[in-house]
N, C-alpha and C. Protein backbone atom coordinates (compact mmCIF):
# COMPACT_ATOMS: atom_id res chain seq x y z
N MET A 1 170.48 191.16 154.70
CA MET A 1 170.13 191.43 152.95
C MET A 1 170.23 189.56 152.61
N ARG A 2 170.92 188.89 153.32
CA ARG A 2 170.80 187.43 152.44
C ARG A 2 169.68 187.15 152.87
N ASN A 3 169.13 187.29 154.31
CA ASN A 3 167.63 186.38 154.56
C ASN A 3 166.60 187.03 153.44
N MET A 4 166.92 188.25 153.22
CA MET A 4 165.66 188.74 152.47
C MET A 4 166.06 188.25 150.98
N ILE A 5 166.95 188.02 150.50
CA ILE A 5 166.99 187.26 149.16
C ILE A 5 166.85 185.60 149.23
N ARG A 6 167.19 185.07 150.23
CA ARG A 6 166.63 183.66 150.42
C ARG A 6 165.51 183.53 150.46
N ASN A 7 164.65 184.63 151.18
CA ASN A 7 163.16 184.52 151.15
C ASN A 7 162.30 185.04 149.98
N LEU A 8 163.08 185.65 149.24
CA LEU A 8 162.19 185.98 147.82
C LEU A 8 162.83 185.00 147.10
N ILE A 9 163.51 184.38 147.19
CA ILE A 9 163.63 182.97 146.41
C ILE A 9 162.60 181.75 146.94
N LEU A 10 162.63 181.40 148.34
CA LEU A 10 162.17 180.54 148.56
C LEU A 10 160.27 181.06 148.72
N ALA A 11 159.67 182.05 148.31
CA ALA A 11 158.59 182.36 149.21
C ALA A 11 157.65 181.54 147.77
N PRO A 12 158.40 181.74 146.40
CA PRO A 12 157.11 181.52 145.40
C PRO A 12 157.43 179.78 145.32
N ALA A 13 158.34 178.94 145.59
CA ALA A 13 158.77 178.09 145.97
C ALA A 13 157.42 177.24 147.13
N PHE A 14 157.57 177.95 148.06
CA PHE A 14 156.24 177.60 148.90
C PHE A 14 154.90 177.73 148.42
N VAL A 15 154.54 179.03 147.52
CA VAL A 15 153.22 179.07 147.08
C VAL A 15 152.90 178.09 146.18
N ALA A 16 154.07 177.73 145.35
CA ALA A 16 153.83 176.59 144.13
C ALA A 16 153.55 175.18 144.70
N ALA A 17 154.11 175.10 146.46
CA ALA A 17 154.02 173.62 146.93
C ALA A 17 152.55 173.73 147.47
N ALA A 18 152.08 174.96 148.02
CA ALA A 18 150.86 175.10 148.64
C ALA A 18 149.58 174.83 147.40
N ALA A 19 149.91 175.41 146.29
CA ALA A 19 148.93 175.37 145.09
C ALA A 19 149.17 173.96 144.71
N LEU A 20 150.13 173.30 144.77
CA LEU A 20 150.04 171.56 144.13
C LEU A 20 149.32 170.99 145.19
N ALA A 21 149.57 171.22 146.58
CA ALA A 21 148.64 170.37 147.58
C ALA A 21 147.25 170.47 147.54
N THR A 22 146.95 171.69 147.29
CA THR A 22 145.61 171.92 147.07
C THR A 22 144.62 171.49 145.60
N THR A 23 145.80 171.05 144.92
CA THR A 23 145.37 170.20 143.46
C THR A 23 145.27 168.94 143.38
N SER A 24 146.31 168.35 144.29
CA SER A 24 146.40 167.07 144.79
C SER A 24 145.40 166.06 145.08
N ALA A 25 144.32 166.88 145.50
CA ALA A 25 142.88 166.24 146.14
C ALA A 25 141.87 166.95 145.51
N SER A 26 140.78 166.28 145.09
CA SER A 26 139.54 167.01 144.80
C SER A 26 138.74 166.64 145.49
N ALA A 27 137.45 167.66 145.59
CA ALA A 27 136.70 167.43 146.55
C ALA A 27 135.34 168.09 145.81
N ALA A 28 134.15 167.82 146.43
CA ALA A 28 132.50 168.18 146.28
C ALA A 28 132.03 168.68 147.47
N THR A 29 131.40 169.77 147.46
CA THR A 29 130.11 169.76 148.46
C THR A 29 129.12 169.36 147.99
N LEU A 30 128.19 168.54 148.93
CA LEU A 30 126.65 168.21 148.74
C LEU A 30 125.90 168.82 150.01
N LYS A 31 124.79 169.09 149.48
CA LYS A 31 123.60 169.72 150.50
C LYS A 31 123.29 168.29 150.82
N VAL A 32 123.21 168.02 151.85
CA VAL A 32 121.79 166.84 152.24
C VAL A 32 120.84 167.35 153.17
N PRO A 33 119.85 167.23 152.45
CA PRO A 33 118.55 168.63 153.10
C PRO A 33 117.81 167.44 154.26
N PHE A 34 118.46 166.16 154.89
CA PHE A 34 117.61 165.48 155.57
C PHE A 34 118.92 165.02 156.84
N ASN A 35 118.23 164.68 157.94
CA ASN A 35 119.32 164.25 158.86
C ASN A 35 119.09 162.26 158.24
N PHE A 36 120.52 162.02 158.59
CA PHE A 36 120.62 160.66 158.24
C PHE A 36 121.70 159.93 159.21
N ILE A 37 121.81 158.67 158.76
CA ILE A 37 122.72 157.73 159.76
C ILE A 37 123.95 157.31 158.51
N ALA A 38 125.32 157.10 159.35
CA ALA A 38 126.31 157.20 158.28
C ALA A 38 127.20 156.45 159.08
N ASN A 39 127.23 154.71 159.02
CA ASN A 39 128.45 153.77 159.69
C ASN A 39 127.66 154.02 161.32
N GLY A 40 126.26 153.83 161.53
CA GLY A 40 125.74 153.76 162.97
C GLY A 40 125.88 155.21 163.37
N LYS A 41 126.28 156.36 162.96
CA LYS A 41 126.09 157.45 163.67
C LYS A 41 125.02 158.45 162.96
N GLN A 42 124.18 159.12 163.83
CA GLN A 42 123.21 160.12 163.60
C GLN A 42 124.35 161.21 163.18
N CYS A 43 123.92 161.76 161.52
CA CYS A 43 124.15 163.25 160.91
C CYS A 43 123.43 163.71 160.76
N PRO A 44 123.58 165.28 160.85
CA PRO A 44 122.58 166.05 160.91
C PRO A 44 122.30 166.90 159.44
N ALA A 45 121.48 167.13 159.23
CA ALA A 45 121.49 167.98 157.65
C ALA A 45 122.09 168.93 157.23
N GLY A 46 122.73 169.10 156.15
CA GLY A 46 123.92 170.24 156.01
C GLY A 46 124.40 169.94 154.81
N TYR A 47 125.51 170.71 154.79
CA TYR A 47 126.64 170.15 153.55
C TYR A 47 127.76 169.62 154.27
N TYR A 48 128.23 168.78 153.36
CA TYR A 48 129.27 167.47 153.63
C TYR A 48 130.01 167.89 152.40
N ASN A 49 131.48 167.73 152.35
CA ASN A 49 132.28 167.61 151.50
C ASN A 49 132.78 166.28 151.17
N VAL A 50 133.02 165.98 150.00
CA VAL A 50 133.13 164.40 149.46
C VAL A 50 134.54 164.73 149.38
N GLN A 51 135.71 164.16 149.91
CA GLN A 51 136.80 164.13 149.31
C GLN A 51 137.88 163.20 149.00
N LYS A 52 138.61 162.98 147.87
CA LYS A 52 139.16 161.98 147.31
C LYS A 52 140.94 162.76 146.77
N GLY A 53 141.66 161.88 147.39
CA GLY A 53 143.02 162.44 146.47
C GLY A 53 143.33 161.84 145.27
N ILE A 54 144.20 162.33 144.48
CA ILE A 54 144.47 161.48 143.12
C ILE A 54 144.87 160.36 143.41
N ASN A 55 144.58 159.42 142.58
CA ASN A 55 145.49 158.10 142.62
C ASN A 55 145.00 157.49 143.76
N SER A 56 143.83 158.02 144.40
CA SER A 56 143.64 157.17 146.06
C SER A 56 142.74 156.57 145.83
N SER A 57 142.47 155.44 146.70
CA SER A 57 141.10 154.47 146.67
C SER A 57 140.36 154.71 147.87
N VAL A 58 140.85 155.96 148.41
CA VAL A 58 139.85 156.35 149.59
C VAL A 58 139.08 157.39 149.69
N VAL A 59 137.67 157.29 149.75
CA VAL A 59 137.12 158.41 149.93
C VAL A 59 136.50 159.21 151.45
N THR A 60 136.36 160.29 151.67
CA THR A 60 136.10 160.72 152.68
C THR A 60 135.09 162.06 152.65
N LEU A 61 134.12 161.47 153.61
CA LEU A 61 132.71 162.60 153.69
C LEU A 61 133.16 163.32 155.33
N VAL A 62 132.75 164.70 154.90
CA VAL A 62 133.22 165.40 156.15
C VAL A 62 132.11 166.50 156.28
N SER A 63 131.48 166.59 157.44
CA SER A 63 130.61 167.55 157.57
C SER A 63 131.30 168.90 157.27
N LYS A 64 130.41 170.06 157.22
CA LYS A 64 131.04 171.63 156.98
C LYS A 64 131.82 171.85 157.94
N ASP A 65 131.05 171.64 159.65
CA ASP A 65 131.83 171.88 160.57
C ASP A 65 132.78 171.23 161.02
N GLY A 66 133.12 169.77 160.19
CA GLY A 66 134.20 168.90 161.05
C GLY A 66 133.78 167.90 161.99
N SER A 67 132.53 167.93 162.71
CA SER A 67 132.18 167.00 163.69
C SER A 67 132.02 165.59 163.21
N ARG A 68 131.51 165.66 161.98
CA ARG A 68 131.54 164.34 161.18
C ARG A 68 132.10 164.11 160.36
N ASN A 69 132.94 162.86 160.31
CA ASN A 69 134.32 162.39 159.45
C ASN A 69 134.21 160.75 159.11
N PHE A 70 133.94 160.51 158.20
CA PHE A 70 133.93 159.25 157.59
C PHE A 70 135.03 158.75 156.69
N THR A 71 135.64 157.68 156.32
CA THR A 71 136.60 157.51 155.47
C THR A 71 135.97 155.90 154.81
N TRP A 72 135.97 155.84 153.71
CA TRP A 72 135.87 154.36 152.99
C TRP A 72 136.85 154.14 151.75
N VAL A 73 136.96 153.07 151.46
CA VAL A 73 137.67 152.17 150.70
C VAL A 73 136.89 152.39 149.24
N LEU A 74 137.36 152.62 148.06
CA LEU A 74 136.56 152.82 146.93
C LEU A 74 136.94 151.51 146.07
N ARG A 75 136.32 151.01 145.40
CA ARG A 75 136.51 149.88 144.44
C ARG A 75 135.75 150.32 143.08
N PRO A 76 136.18 149.54 141.78
CA PRO A 76 135.60 149.73 140.81
C PRO A 76 134.02 149.72 141.00
N GLY A 77 133.29 150.27 139.90
CA GLY A 77 131.89 150.29 140.34
C GLY A 77 131.14 149.86 138.89
N GLU A 78 130.05 150.10 138.86
CA GLU A 78 129.64 149.77 137.61
C GLU A 78 129.26 150.93 136.76
N PRO A 79 129.24 152.29 137.24
CA PRO A 79 129.26 153.05 136.23
C PRO A 79 130.02 153.13 135.31
N ASP A 80 129.50 154.24 134.28
CA ASP A 80 130.39 154.19 132.86
C ASP A 80 132.08 154.74 133.45
N PRO A 81 132.96 154.26 132.84
CA PRO A 81 134.25 154.75 133.47
C PRO A 81 134.72 156.31 133.29
N SER A 82 133.67 156.70 132.17
CA SER A 82 133.80 158.26 131.93
C SER A 82 132.98 159.06 132.88
N ASP A 83 131.85 158.60 133.82
CA ASP A 83 131.30 159.06 134.92
C ASP A 83 132.15 159.68 135.72
N LYS A 84 132.12 161.44 135.88
CA LYS A 84 132.46 162.28 137.10
C LYS A 84 131.79 162.36 138.01
N THR A 85 130.51 162.01 138.18
CA THR A 85 129.59 162.46 139.16
C THR A 85 129.94 161.91 140.48
N ILE A 86 129.71 162.79 141.34
CA ILE A 86 129.76 162.48 142.57
C ILE A 86 128.59 162.39 143.46
N ARG A 87 128.47 160.95 143.83
CA ARG A 87 126.77 160.67 144.68
C ARG A 87 126.80 160.21 145.90
N LEU A 88 125.66 160.49 146.76
CA LEU A 88 125.45 159.91 147.92
C LEU A 88 124.18 159.26 147.91
N ASN A 89 124.24 157.93 148.15
CA ASN A 89 122.83 157.54 147.61
C ASN A 89 122.55 156.50 149.11
N PHE A 90 121.15 156.88 149.23
CA PHE A 90 120.58 156.74 150.65
C PHE A 90 119.59 155.59 150.59
N ASP A 91 119.06 154.88 151.91
CA ASP A 91 118.24 154.12 151.78
C ASP A 91 117.03 154.84 152.67
N ASN A 92 116.17 154.73 152.06
CA ASN A 92 115.08 155.59 152.69
C ASN A 92 114.25 154.27 153.88
N GLN A 93 114.50 154.21 154.94
CA GLN A 93 114.02 153.23 156.27
C GLN A 93 112.60 154.24 156.60
N GLY A 94 111.62 154.52 156.10
CA GLY A 94 110.83 154.81 156.94
C GLY A 94 111.25 156.41 156.52
N GLU A 95 111.00 157.12 158.08
CA GLU A 95 111.66 158.33 158.12
C GLU A 95 113.18 158.47 158.40
N THR A 96 113.79 157.59 158.34
CA THR A 96 115.35 157.45 158.28
C THR A 96 115.94 157.04 157.00
N HIS A 97 117.23 157.85 156.76
CA HIS A 97 117.95 157.61 155.60
C HIS A 97 119.23 157.35 156.20
N VAL A 98 119.34 156.08 155.46
CA VAL A 98 120.62 155.64 155.89
C VAL A 98 121.72 155.53 154.56
N LEU A 99 123.16 156.12 154.75
CA LEU A 99 123.62 156.26 153.82
C LEU A 99 124.36 154.73 153.21
N GLN A 100 123.83 154.75 152.01
CA GLN A 100 124.12 153.27 151.61
C GLN A 100 125.59 152.99 150.77
N LEU A 101 125.77 154.14 149.82
CA LEU A 101 127.22 154.01 149.20
C LEU A 101 127.45 155.67 149.11
N VAL A 102 128.79 155.78 148.64
CA VAL A 102 129.44 156.93 148.01
C VAL A 102 130.13 156.38 146.84
N GLN A 103 129.55 156.92 145.56
CA GLN A 103 130.18 156.98 144.29
C GLN A 103 130.84 158.15 143.83
N TYR A 104 132.39 157.99 143.76
CA TYR A 104 133.14 159.25 143.33
C TYR A 104 133.61 158.79 141.92
N GLY A 105 133.18 159.43 140.87
CA GLY A 105 133.40 159.12 139.62
C GLY A 105 132.97 157.74 139.06
N SER A 106 133.79 156.93 138.65
CA SER A 106 133.50 155.37 138.28
C SER A 106 133.60 154.41 139.63
N GLN A 107 134.23 155.16 140.54
CA GLN A 107 134.32 154.00 141.77
C GLN A 107 133.32 154.40 142.82
N VAL A 108 133.01 153.26 143.74
CA VAL A 108 132.22 153.46 144.72
C VAL A 108 132.84 152.24 145.72
N SER A 109 131.99 153.05 146.97
CA SER A 109 132.36 152.34 148.42
C SER A 109 131.75 151.13 148.21
N THR A 110 132.07 150.19 149.44
CA THR A 110 131.37 149.30 149.60
C THR A 110 130.09 149.24 150.26
N SER A 111 129.04 148.40 149.88
CA SER A 111 127.84 148.76 150.40
C SER A 111 128.13 148.85 151.99
N MET A 112 127.00 150.08 152.47
CA MET A 112 127.06 150.19 154.03
C MET A 112 125.92 149.46 154.47
N THR A 113 125.09 149.03 154.02
CA THR A 113 123.93 148.59 154.74
C THR A 113 123.62 147.15 154.18
N ASP A 114 122.83 146.29 155.06
CA ASP A 114 122.63 145.09 154.90
C ASP A 114 122.24 144.51 153.56
N LYS A 115 123.06 144.27 152.52
CA LYS A 115 122.84 143.74 151.18
C LYS A 115 121.39 143.05 150.64
N SER A 116 121.20 142.60 151.64
CA SER A 116 119.89 141.05 151.74
C SER A 116 118.51 142.43 151.74
N ARG A 117 118.53 143.43 152.42
CA ARG A 117 117.54 144.14 152.71
C ARG A 117 117.64 145.57 152.09
N HIS A 118 118.46 145.69 151.17
CA HIS A 118 119.02 146.89 150.50
C HIS A 118 117.96 147.19 149.84
N ASN A 119 117.05 145.92 148.63
CA ASN A 119 116.29 146.25 147.87
C ASN A 119 114.93 146.23 148.25
N GLU A 120 114.56 146.58 149.70
CA GLU A 120 113.30 146.72 149.98
C GLU A 120 113.05 148.06 150.21
N TYR A 121 114.00 149.31 150.50
CA TYR A 121 113.62 150.56 150.70
C TYR A 121 113.88 151.06 149.09
N PRO A 122 113.00 152.35 149.55
CA PRO A 122 113.14 153.49 148.17
C PRO A 122 114.29 154.10 148.25
N GLN A 123 114.92 154.62 147.44
CA GLN A 123 116.61 155.28 147.24
C GLN A 123 116.24 156.67 147.09
N THR A 124 117.25 157.32 147.52
CA THR A 124 117.46 158.63 147.59
C THR A 124 118.72 159.08 147.00
N THR A 125 119.39 159.66 146.07
CA THR A 125 120.27 159.89 145.48
C THR A 125 120.62 161.68 145.53
N ILE A 126 122.06 161.86 146.05
CA ILE A 126 122.23 163.38 146.05
C ILE A 126 123.19 163.71 145.33
N ALA A 127 123.25 164.12 144.02
CA ALA A 127 124.50 164.36 142.99
C ALA A 127 125.10 165.73 143.09
N ALA A 128 126.35 165.81 142.85
CA ALA A 128 126.96 167.33 142.64
C ALA A 128 128.52 166.91 142.01
N GLY A 129 128.74 168.08 141.39
CA GLY A 129 130.25 168.06 141.16
C GLY A 129 130.77 167.22 140.28
N GLU A 130 132.09 167.00 140.36
CA GLU A 130 132.35 166.19 139.40
C GLU A 130 134.02 165.61 139.85
N GLY A 131 134.12 164.12 140.07
CA GLY A 131 134.73 163.54 140.51
C GLY A 131 136.02 163.00 139.57
N ARG A 132 137.36 162.51 139.81
CA ARG A 132 138.43 162.57 138.96
C ARG A 132 138.53 161.38 139.02
């Protein structure tokens, strides 16, 4: 009987902790319609989660199946501080798309491509959701 009462008291605490854990990080799912390269690794077209914890300066890109996982440090970016969009910016190098940077709200990752050649290529941007 004591165990049952203890479980009745602890169960709501565990549920509240789980709810807090899920809201302590925010994420958006983006559909990338083409194969691309990120950090020198081939990535297939598909759905990718862009995740960032609250008050975190780190962003993670994870494929839906979990086979690809990349993490970058964020820094203040040029976008409007009230911008809440999540973007993946790609350089189009012929038929190859290379992930150039991740924008999460008003923060951006460091450039992932050679900055001296970055302006030579057309750009593709995929955007969705809201970042905090």
